[in-house]
Amino acid sequence: MAIIFADTNIIIEYLKGDNSIVQMLSNFDTIYINDIVIMELYQGARNKQELNFIKKSIIKFEILPSNQKITELARKILEKYTLSHNTKIMDALIASTVIIYNIDLYTLNRKDFRYLEQVNLV
């Protein structure tokens, strides 16, 4: 069974109908996101209509729950890399999620994660 975790930028391009992203995601049986991705999508909505479109469109994705282990690992990632790599809180939480659940990460922003050896990038 092919599974993947989709970063926020992947879901944004999917929602825009980007054919290459839609095609790539069709190769996976299960596509995971987390609450961080959902919150970033909601934050990017420009109006209620767009927010409702996002809410309806992401129902098809599986949501991985956050937990204390994910938060603790994110904190360690920030402590180690925020000064040297300008790691952001949201990226640290996404990275720690894919590390804890051992899932490959599909992202367009490889630079935000490539220095994290435990993150397998697609």
Protein backbone atom coordinates (compact mmCIF):
# COMPACT_ATOMS: atom_id res chain seq x y z
CA MET A 1 0.00 0.00 0.00
CA ALA A 2 1.51 3.32 -1.09
CA ILE A 3 1.20 6.15 1.42
CA ILE A 4 2.49 9.71 1.57
CA PHE A 5 2.26 12.82 3.73
CA ALA A 6 1.44 15.92 1.67
CA ASP A 7 2.89 19.25 2.75
CA THR A 8 0.67 22.33 2.66
CA ASN A 9 2.12 23.56 -0.64
CA ILE A 10 1.19 20.25 -2.29
CA ILE A 11 -2.41 20.51 -1.10
CA ILE A 12 -2.59 24.12 -2.30
CA GLU A 13 -1.44 23.09 -5.78
CA TYR A 14 -3.86 20.14 -5.70
CA LEU A 15 -6.74 22.51 -4.85
CA LYS A 16 -5.69 24.74 -7.76
CA GLY A 17 -5.95 21.72 -10.06
CA ASP A 18 -2.24 21.44 -10.92
CA ASN A 19 -2.19 18.38 -13.21
CA SER A 20 1.28 17.19 -12.21
CA ILE A 21 0.37 17.27 -8.51
CA VAL A 22 -3.04 15.63 -9.08
CA GLN A 23 -1.33 12.90 -11.14
CA MET A 24 1.38 12.33 -8.54
CA LEU A 25 -1.14 12.06 -5.69
CA SER A 26 -3.18 9.55 -7.70
CA ASN A 27 -0.26 7.12 -7.31
CA PHE A 28 -0.90 6.80 -3.58
CA ASP A 29 -3.53 4.74 -1.79
CA THR A 30 -3.52 6.99 1.27
CA ILE A 31 -2.56 10.65 1.48
CA TYR A 32 -2.01 11.99 4.96
CA ILE A 33 -2.10 15.53 6.27
CA ASN A 34 -2.22 16.85 9.84
CA ASP A 35 -3.86 19.68 11.75
CA ILE A 36 -0.92 21.95 10.93
CA VAL A 37 -1.56 21.58 7.19
CA ILE A 38 -5.28 22.18 7.73
CA MET A 39 -4.64 25.31 9.79
CA GLU A 40 -2.25 26.69 7.16
CA LEU A 41 -4.88 26.06 4.47
CA TYR A 42 -7.60 27.77 6.51
CA GLN A 43 -5.29 30.70 7.20
CA GLY A 44 -4.75 31.14 3.46
CA ALA A 45 -8.46 31.35 2.64
CA ARG A 46 -9.40 34.80 1.33
CA ASN A 47 -13.13 34.53 2.06
CA LYS A 48 -15.86 32.19 3.36
CA GLN A 49 -16.44 30.67 -0.07
CA GLU A 50 -12.78 29.71 -0.36
CA LEU A 51 -12.75 28.38 3.21
CA ASN A 52 -15.78 26.20 2.48
CA PHE A 53 -14.13 24.95 -0.73
CA ILE A 54 -11.01 23.98 1.23
CA LYS A 55 -13.04 22.23 3.93
CA LYS A 56 -14.98 20.18 1.38
CA SER A 57 -11.94 19.37 -0.72
CA ILE A 58 -9.70 18.03 2.07
CA ILE A 59 -12.23 15.50 3.36
CA LYS A 60 -10.59 12.87 1.14
CA PHE A 61 -7.26 13.10 2.99
CA GLU A 62 -6.48 11.15 6.15
CA ILE A 63 -5.58 13.25 9.18
CA LEU A 64 -2.71 12.13 11.39
CA PRO A 65 -3.28 13.23 14.97
CA SER A 66 -0.66 15.24 16.80
CA ASN A 67 0.56 14.06 20.15
CA GLN A 68 3.11 14.84 22.84
CA LYS A 69 5.89 12.88 21.07
CA ILE A 70 5.41 14.96 17.92
CA THR A 71 5.46 18.21 19.88
CA GLU A 72 8.58 17.20 21.82
CA LEU A 73 10.43 16.21 18.65
CA ALA A 74 9.39 19.46 16.96
CA ARG A 75 10.78 21.39 19.91
CA LYS A 76 14.10 19.51 19.59
CA ILE A 77 14.21 20.19 15.85
CA LEU A 78 13.65 23.91 16.47
CA GLU A 79 16.29 23.98 19.20
CA LYS A 80 18.84 22.38 16.90
CA TYR A 81 18.02 24.05 13.57
CA THR A 82 16.16 27.34 14.01
CA LEU A 83 19.34 29.42 14.14
CA SER A 84 21.31 27.55 11.49
CA HIS A 85 18.49 26.76 9.02
CA ASN A 86 15.73 29.23 9.96
CA THR A 87 13.35 26.36 10.75
CA LYS A 88 9.74 27.47 11.23
CA ILE A 89 7.37 26.05 13.86
CA MET A 90 4.94 24.66 11.26
CA ASP A 91 7.75 22.93 9.35
CA ALA A 92 9.16 21.44 12.54
CA LEU A 93 5.72 20.04 13.42
CA ILE A 94 5.27 18.59 9.92
CA ALA A 95 8.78 17.10 10.00
CA SER A 96 8.27 15.57 13.42
CA THR A 97 4.95 14.10 12.27
CA VAL A 98 6.49 12.29 9.30
CA ILE A 99 9.41 11.12 11.44
CA ILE A 100 7.19 9.74 14.23
CA TYR A 101 4.78 8.05 11.79
CA ASN A 102 7.64 7.00 9.44
CA ILE A 103 5.98 8.36 6.29
CA ASP A 104 7.61 9.97 3.25
CA LEU A 105 7.01 13.71 2.81
CA TYR A 106 5.86 15.15 -0.52
CA THR A 107 6.74 18.84 -0.63
CA LEU A 108 7.69 21.53 -3.11
CA ASN A 109 9.90 23.20 -0.47
CA ARG A 110 12.65 20.62 -0.16
CA LYS A 111 15.02 23.23 1.30
CA ASP A 112 12.83 23.41 4.41
CA PHE A 113 13.43 19.74 5.20
CA ARG A 114 16.49 18.41 3.33
CA TYR A 115 18.85 18.94 6.29
CA LEU A 116 16.72 16.61 8.44
CA GLU A 117 18.19 13.15 7.81
CA GLN A 118 15.17 11.34 9.23
CA VAL A 119 12.76 12.99 6.77
CA ASN A 120 12.36 11.03 3.54
CA LEU A 121 11.50 13.50 0.78
CA VAL A 122 9.57 12.64 -2.37
